[in-house]
Amino acid sequence: MDDGTPSDNRLEVLERQITYLYAHFGLDPEAAEQVELPVPAKITALVRDGKKIAAIRDYRRAFQASLTDATRAVGRLQR
């Protein structure tokens, strides 16, 4: 049954391709972790209005982020 998710083999292929591209272009893979994605205005408005849980929920949906990553990102927006 196909549930729409890539197979483990396909993920391995994609990971190898990304690793190759980083090496080919001389990029630091760790630098990608430092890039801040633009946050939709709706999420920043929720943070501004003190609706942290709703902001985390919407962040998770917008970026397919884990609960931990979304919580950290929203925490950064609160500063």
N, C-alpha and C. Protein backbone atom coordinates (compact mmCIF):
# COMPACT_ATOMS: atom_id res chain seq x y z
N MET A 1 0.85 -1.18 0.00
CA MET A 1 0.00 0.00 0.00
C MET A 1 0.89 1.24 0.00
N ASP A 2 0.60 2.19 -0.86
CA ASP A 2 1.37 3.43 -0.95
C ASP A 2 0.68 4.51 -0.14
N ASP A 3 1.34 4.96 0.93
CA ASP A 3 0.75 6.00 1.78
C ASP A 3 1.28 7.38 1.43
N GLY A 4 2.02 7.50 0.33
CA GLY A 4 2.51 8.79 -0.10
C GLY A 4 3.84 9.20 0.49
N THR A 5 4.40 8.39 1.40
CA THR A 5 5.70 8.74 1.99
C THR A 5 6.81 8.07 1.20
N PRO A 6 7.94 8.75 1.04
CA PRO A 6 9.04 8.15 0.30
C PRO A 6 9.57 6.91 1.02
N SER A 7 10.06 5.98 0.26
CA SER A 7 10.63 4.78 0.87
C SER A 7 11.97 5.12 1.52
N ASP A 8 12.42 4.27 2.41
CA ASP A 8 13.71 4.48 3.05
C ASP A 8 14.81 4.59 1.99
N ASN A 9 14.72 3.76 0.95
CA ASN A 9 15.73 3.80 -0.11
C ASN A 9 15.74 5.16 -0.79
N ARG A 10 14.59 5.72 -1.05
CA ARG A 10 14.51 7.04 -1.71
C ARG A 10 15.12 8.10 -0.80
N LEU A 11 14.88 8.01 0.48
CA LEU A 11 15.47 8.97 1.42
C LEU A 11 16.99 8.85 1.44
N GLU A 12 17.48 7.63 1.36
CA GLU A 12 18.94 7.42 1.31
C GLU A 12 19.53 8.06 0.06
N VAL A 13 18.84 7.91 -1.06
CA VAL A 13 19.31 8.50 -2.32
C VAL A 13 19.33 10.03 -2.19
N LEU A 14 18.27 10.61 -1.65
CA LEU A 14 18.22 12.06 -1.47
C LEU A 14 19.32 12.56 -0.54
N GLU A 15 19.56 11.84 0.53
CA GLU A 15 20.62 12.22 1.46
C GLU A 15 21.99 12.19 0.79
N ARG A 16 22.24 11.17 -0.03
CA ARG A 16 23.51 11.10 -0.76
C ARG A 16 23.63 12.27 -1.74
N GLN A 17 22.54 12.59 -2.41
CA GLN A 17 22.57 13.70 -3.36
C GLN A 17 22.86 15.02 -2.65
N ILE A 18 22.24 15.24 -1.52
CA ILE A 18 22.48 16.48 -0.77
C ILE A 18 23.92 16.53 -0.28
N THR A 19 24.43 15.42 0.22
CA THR A 19 25.81 15.37 0.67
C THR A 19 26.75 15.70 -0.48
N TYR A 20 26.47 15.14 -1.65
CA TYR A 20 27.29 15.42 -2.83
C TYR A 20 27.25 16.92 -3.17
N LEU A 21 26.06 17.51 -3.18
CA LEU A 21 25.93 18.92 -3.52
C LEU A 21 26.69 19.82 -2.54
N TYR A 22 26.63 19.51 -1.26
CA TYR A 22 27.39 20.29 -0.28
C TYR A 22 28.89 20.21 -0.59
N ALA A 23 29.37 19.00 -0.87
CA ALA A 23 30.79 18.83 -1.16
C ALA A 23 31.17 19.52 -2.48
N HIS A 24 30.34 19.35 -3.49
CA HIS A 24 30.62 19.91 -4.81
C HIS A 24 30.73 21.44 -4.77
N PHE A 25 29.85 22.06 -4.01
CA PHE A 25 29.84 23.52 -3.95
C PHE A 25 30.65 24.08 -2.77
N GLY A 26 31.30 23.19 -2.02
CA GLY A 26 32.14 23.62 -0.91
C GLY A 26 31.35 24.27 0.21
N LEU A 27 30.15 23.79 0.45
CA LEU A 27 29.30 24.36 1.49
C LEU A 27 29.45 23.62 2.81
N ASP A 28 29.24 24.34 3.88
CA ASP A 28 29.28 23.76 5.23
C ASP A 28 27.87 23.28 5.59
N PRO A 29 27.67 21.98 5.76
CA PRO A 29 26.32 21.47 6.09
C PRO A 29 25.78 22.06 7.40
N GLU A 30 26.66 22.40 8.32
CA GLU A 30 26.21 22.96 9.59
C GLU A 30 25.60 24.35 9.39
N ALA A 31 26.01 25.06 8.35
CA ALA A 31 25.50 26.40 8.10
C ALA A 31 24.00 26.37 7.80
N ALA A 32 23.53 25.29 7.22
CA ALA A 32 22.11 25.19 6.90
C ALA A 32 21.26 25.24 8.16
N GLU A 33 21.79 24.75 9.26
CA GLU A 33 21.05 24.76 10.52
C GLU A 33 20.91 26.17 11.08
N GLN A 34 21.75 27.09 10.64
CA GLN A 34 21.75 28.45 11.16
C GLN A 34 20.81 29.37 10.39
N VAL A 35 20.29 28.89 9.27
CA VAL A 35 19.43 29.72 8.43
C VAL A 35 18.05 29.82 9.08
N GLU A 36 17.60 31.04 9.24
CA GLU A 36 16.26 31.28 9.77
C GLU A 36 15.29 31.41 8.60
N LEU A 37 14.27 30.58 8.60
CA LEU A 37 13.26 30.66 7.57
C LEU A 37 12.32 31.82 7.87
N PRO A 38 11.82 32.50 6.85
CA PRO A 38 10.87 33.57 7.11
C PRO A 38 9.60 32.99 7.74
N VAL A 39 9.17 33.60 8.81
CA VAL A 39 8.00 33.11 9.54
C VAL A 39 6.78 33.87 9.04
N PRO A 40 5.71 33.14 8.71
CA PRO A 40 4.50 33.81 8.25
C PRO A 40 3.99 34.84 9.26
N ALA A 41 3.42 35.92 8.75
CA ALA A 41 2.93 37.01 9.60
C ALA A 41 1.89 36.52 10.61
N LYS A 42 1.10 35.53 10.23
CA LYS A 42 0.07 35.00 11.14
C LYS A 42 0.72 34.44 12.41
N ILE A 43 1.85 33.78 12.25
CA ILE A 43 2.53 33.18 13.40
C ILE A 43 3.14 34.27 14.28
N THR A 44 3.77 35.25 13.67
CA THR A 44 4.35 36.33 14.48
C THR A 44 3.25 37.11 15.19
N ALA A 45 2.09 37.25 14.57
CA ALA A 45 0.97 37.93 15.22
C ALA A 45 0.48 37.13 16.43
N LEU A 46 0.44 35.81 16.30
CA LEU A 46 0.03 34.97 17.43
C LEU A 46 1.00 35.11 18.59
N VAL A 47 2.28 35.14 18.28
CA VAL A 47 3.30 35.33 19.31
C VAL A 47 3.11 36.68 19.98
N ARG A 48 2.96 37.70 19.18
CA ARG A 48 2.79 39.06 19.70
C ARG A 48 1.56 39.15 20.61
N ASP A 49 0.50 38.39 20.27
CA ASP A 49 -0.74 38.42 21.05
C ASP A 49 -0.71 37.47 22.25
N GLY A 50 0.45 36.82 22.47
CA GLY A 50 0.59 35.93 23.62
C GLY A 50 -0.05 34.57 23.43
N LYS A 51 -0.33 34.18 22.21
CA LYS A 51 -0.96 32.89 21.92
C LYS A 51 0.11 31.88 21.50
N LYS A 52 0.93 31.53 22.46
CA LYS A 52 2.11 30.70 22.19
C LYS A 52 1.73 29.31 21.64
N ILE A 53 0.76 28.68 22.24
CA ILE A 53 0.39 27.32 21.81
C ILE A 53 -0.12 27.34 20.37
N ALA A 54 -0.95 28.31 20.03
CA ALA A 54 -1.45 28.43 18.65
C ALA A 54 -0.30 28.72 17.70
N ALA A 55 0.65 29.54 18.13
CA ALA A 55 1.81 29.85 17.29
C ALA A 55 2.64 28.60 17.03
N ILE A 56 2.85 27.81 18.07
CA ILE A 56 3.60 26.55 17.92
C ILE A 56 2.87 25.61 16.97
N ARG A 57 1.57 25.48 17.15
CA ARG A 57 0.77 24.61 16.27
C ARG A 57 0.90 25.05 14.82
N ASP A 58 0.73 26.34 14.57
CA ASP A 58 0.80 26.84 13.20
C ASP A 58 2.21 26.73 12.64
N TYR A 59 3.23 26.94 13.47
CA TYR A 59 4.62 26.79 13.02
C TYR A 59 4.86 25.35 12.59
N ARG A 60 4.38 24.40 13.39
CA ARG A 60 4.56 22.98 13.04
C ARG A 60 3.92 22.67 11.69
N ARG A 61 2.74 23.20 11.47
CA ARG A 61 2.04 22.96 10.21
C ARG A 61 2.78 23.63 9.04
N ALA A 62 3.23 24.85 9.24
CA ALA A 62 3.86 25.60 8.15
C ALA A 62 5.19 24.99 7.73
N PHE A 63 5.95 24.47 8.71
CA PHE A 63 7.31 24.00 8.42
C PHE A 63 7.49 22.49 8.62
N GLN A 64 6.41 21.76 8.88
CA GLN A 64 6.49 20.33 9.17
C GLN A 64 7.56 20.07 10.23
N ALA A 65 7.57 20.91 11.26
CA ALA A 65 8.58 20.85 12.32
C ALA A 65 8.11 19.95 13.46
N SER A 66 9.08 19.43 14.18
CA SER A 66 8.75 18.68 15.39
C SER A 66 8.25 19.64 16.46
N LEU A 67 7.63 19.10 17.49
CA LEU A 67 7.16 19.93 18.59
C LEU A 67 8.32 20.68 19.24
N THR A 68 9.44 19.99 19.42
CA THR A 68 10.61 20.62 20.04
C THR A 68 11.13 21.76 19.19
N ASP A 69 11.29 21.54 17.89
CA ASP A 69 11.81 22.58 17.00
C ASP A 69 10.85 23.78 16.93
N ALA A 70 9.56 23.51 16.87
CA ALA A 70 8.58 24.59 16.81
C ALA A 70 8.58 25.40 18.10
N THR A 71 8.68 24.72 19.22
CA THR A 71 8.71 25.41 20.52
C THR A 71 9.93 26.31 20.61
N ARG A 72 11.07 25.81 20.17
CA ARG A 72 12.30 26.63 20.18
C ARG A 72 12.15 27.84 19.26
N ALA A 73 11.61 27.62 18.07
CA ALA A 73 11.47 28.71 17.11
C ALA A 73 10.52 29.79 17.64
N VAL A 74 9.42 29.39 18.22
CA VAL A 74 8.47 30.36 18.77
C VAL A 74 9.10 31.07 19.97
N GLY A 75 9.89 30.34 20.74
CA GLY A 75 10.60 30.98 21.85
C GLY A 75 11.54 32.06 21.36
N ARG A 76 12.20 31.82 20.24
CA ARG A 76 13.09 32.84 19.66
C ARG A 76 12.31 34.06 19.19
N LEU A 77 11.09 33.82 18.71
CA LEU A 77 10.26 34.94 18.25
C LEU A 77 9.76 35.79 19.41
N GLN A 78 9.68 35.19 20.59
CA GLN A 78 9.19 35.93 21.76
C GLN A 78 10.21 36.94 22.27
N ARG A 79 11.44 36.81 21.90
CA ARG A 79 12.48 37.70 22.40
C ARG A 79 12.40 39.06 21.80
